[in-house]
Protein backbone atom coordinates (compact mmCIF):
# COMPACT_ATOMS: atom_id res chain seq x y z
CA MET A 1 0.03 0.20 -0.20
CA GLU A 2 3.14 2.31 0.57
CA LYS A 3 4.32 1.84 -2.75
CA LEU A 4 1.00 2.57 -4.30
CA THR A 5 0.44 5.67 -1.76
CA GLY A 6 3.98 6.77 -2.93
CA LEU A 7 3.35 6.44 -6.55
CA ALA A 8 0.21 8.75 -6.16
CA ALA A 9 1.91 11.16 -3.90
CA ALA A 10 5.30 12.16 -7.36
CA LEU A 11 2.27 11.42 -10.19
CA GLY A 12 0.55 14.39 -8.57
CA VAL A 13 4.02 16.34 -8.03
CA LEU A 14 4.67 15.50 -11.52
CA LEU A 15 1.18 16.33 -13.16
CA ALA A 16 1.39 19.58 -10.96
CA ILE A 17 4.37 20.75 -12.51
CA VAL A 18 3.30 19.29 -16.38
CA ALA A 19 0.27 21.07 -15.78
CA GLY A 20 1.60 24.08 -14.92
CA VAL A 21 3.67 24.55 -17.67
CA VAL A 22 1.45 22.96 -20.64
CA PRO A 23 -1.95 24.57 -19.37
CA ASN A 24 -4.71 22.13 -21.49
CA LEU A 25 -3.69 18.55 -21.18
CA GLY A 26 -7.42 18.00 -22.57
CA PHE A 27 -8.80 15.86 -19.01
CA ASP A 28 -9.60 18.06 -15.62
CA VAL A 29 -6.19 18.13 -14.22
CA GLY A 30 -7.71 19.22 -10.48
CA MET A 31 -9.90 16.31 -10.65
CA VAL A 32 -7.08 14.04 -11.34
CA LEU A 33 -4.71 16.39 -8.59
CA VAL A 34 -7.33 15.84 -5.75
CA ILE A 35 -8.06 12.02 -6.60
CA LEU A 36 -3.91 11.55 -6.49
CA GLY A 37 -4.28 13.62 -3.14
CA ILE A 38 -7.02 11.69 -1.94
CA ILE A 39 -5.10 8.10 -2.39
CA ALA A 40 -1.44 9.67 -1.20
CA GLY A 41 -3.10 10.72 1.77
CA ILE A 42 -4.18 6.82 2.98
CA THR A 43 -1.01 5.96 4.40
CA ALA A 44 0.42 10.17 5.34
CA PRO A 45 1.04 9.91 8.58
CA THR A 46 -1.65 11.75 11.14
CA ASP A 47 0.68 13.73 12.93
CA MET A 48 1.54 15.73 10.13
CA ALA A 49 -2.25 16.86 9.22
CA VAL A 50 -1.93 20.40 10.71
CA ARG A 51 1.27 20.84 8.02
CA VAL A 52 -0.94 19.43 5.04
CA TYR A 53 -3.35 21.82 6.35
CA VAL A 54 -1.59 25.16 6.29
CA ALA A 55 0.07 24.35 3.18
CA VAL A 56 -3.39 24.32 1.69
CA LEU A 57 -3.44 27.20 2.77
CA ALA A 58 0.05 28.46 2.11
CA PHE A 59 0.42 27.45 -1.67
CA PRO A 60 -1.85 29.76 -3.64
CA VAL A 61 -0.74 32.24 -1.19
CA VAL A 62 3.03 31.71 -2.19
CA GLY A 63 1.52 31.13 -5.61
CA GLY A 64 0.32 34.69 -6.23
CA ALA A 65 3.62 36.13 -4.53
CA LEU A 66 5.72 34.52 -7.17
CA GLY A 67 3.08 35.31 -10.26
CA THR A 68 4.29 38.41 -9.97
CA ILE A 69 7.90 37.14 -11.31
CA PRO A 70 8.01 38.93 -14.97
CA ALA A 71 8.27 35.25 -18.05
CA VAL A 72 8.20 32.85 -15.62
CA GLY A 73 5.41 34.24 -12.94
CA ASP A 74 2.71 32.38 -14.45
CA TYR A 75 4.08 29.13 -14.47
CA LEU A 76 4.88 28.98 -10.94
CA ASN A 77 1.61 30.33 -9.95
CA ALA A 78 -0.10 27.65 -11.86
CA ILE A 79 2.44 25.18 -10.25
CA PHE A 80 2.01 26.12 -7.03
CA ASN A 81 -1.88 25.96 -7.09
CA ASN A 82 -1.58 22.32 -8.13
CA PHE A 83 0.12 21.87 -5.41
CA ALA A 84 -2.61 23.35 -3.29
CA MET A 85 -4.89 20.75 -5.23
CA ALA A 86 -2.93 17.92 -4.54
CA ALA A 87 -2.36 19.06 -0.95
CA ALA A 88 -6.15 19.26 -0.29
CA GLY A 89 -6.65 15.81 -1.65
CA ILE A 90 -4.45 14.76 1.11
CA ALA A 91 -5.87 16.71 3.58
CA ALA A 92 -9.55 15.13 2.82
CA THR A 93 -8.18 12.27 3.37
CA LEU A 94 -6.38 12.89 7.09
CA MET A 95 -10.14 14.27 7.43
CA SER A 96 -11.43 11.52 7.05
CA ILE A 97 -9.89 9.35 8.65
CA ARG A 98 -9.71 11.62 11.80
CA VAL A 99 -13.45 11.56 11.66
CA TYR A 100 -13.75 8.10 11.49
CA THR A 101 -11.65 7.10 13.79
CA MET A 102 -13.47 9.81 16.36
CA ALA A 103 -16.94 7.79 15.51
CA LYS A 104 -15.39 4.46 16.33
CA ASP A 105 -13.40 5.42 19.75
CA GLY A 106 -16.88 7.13 20.65
CA LEU A 107 -19.02 4.07 19.51
CA MET A 108 -16.13 1.86 20.99
CA GLY A 109 -16.82 4.13 24.31
CA LEU A 110 -20.93 3.59 24.57
CA ALA A 111 -20.33 -0.56 23.90
CA GLY A 112 -17.48 -0.37 26.86
CA GLY A 113 -14.57 -2.10 24.70
CA SER A 114 -11.11 -0.75 24.51
CA SER A 115 -10.47 1.01 20.91
CA THR A 116 -7.14 -1.18 20.50
């Protein structure tokens, strides 16, 4: 499973860069980036969740700042916005795992069992 999620993360980074430079790839890049992010997030450690949430917010801001650079700014802005899409997929998975864990622990607490 770790190889699959690692491959999804690597493909997400590669696609984000390629789609930032070549804007019309003939498919919905945002959707593919989110799906790759969701897959990559399956084995992501939950202790890095806050960093992922911050990255979702920071990537577009950094991209906007880099967008002011003449000649390459538009490409950098698009690349960082694509990174944000992939990070949003990872964040969605981490949030879903957290909600599932909270619900499972709550139900185990009601049943009087341990969650391990």
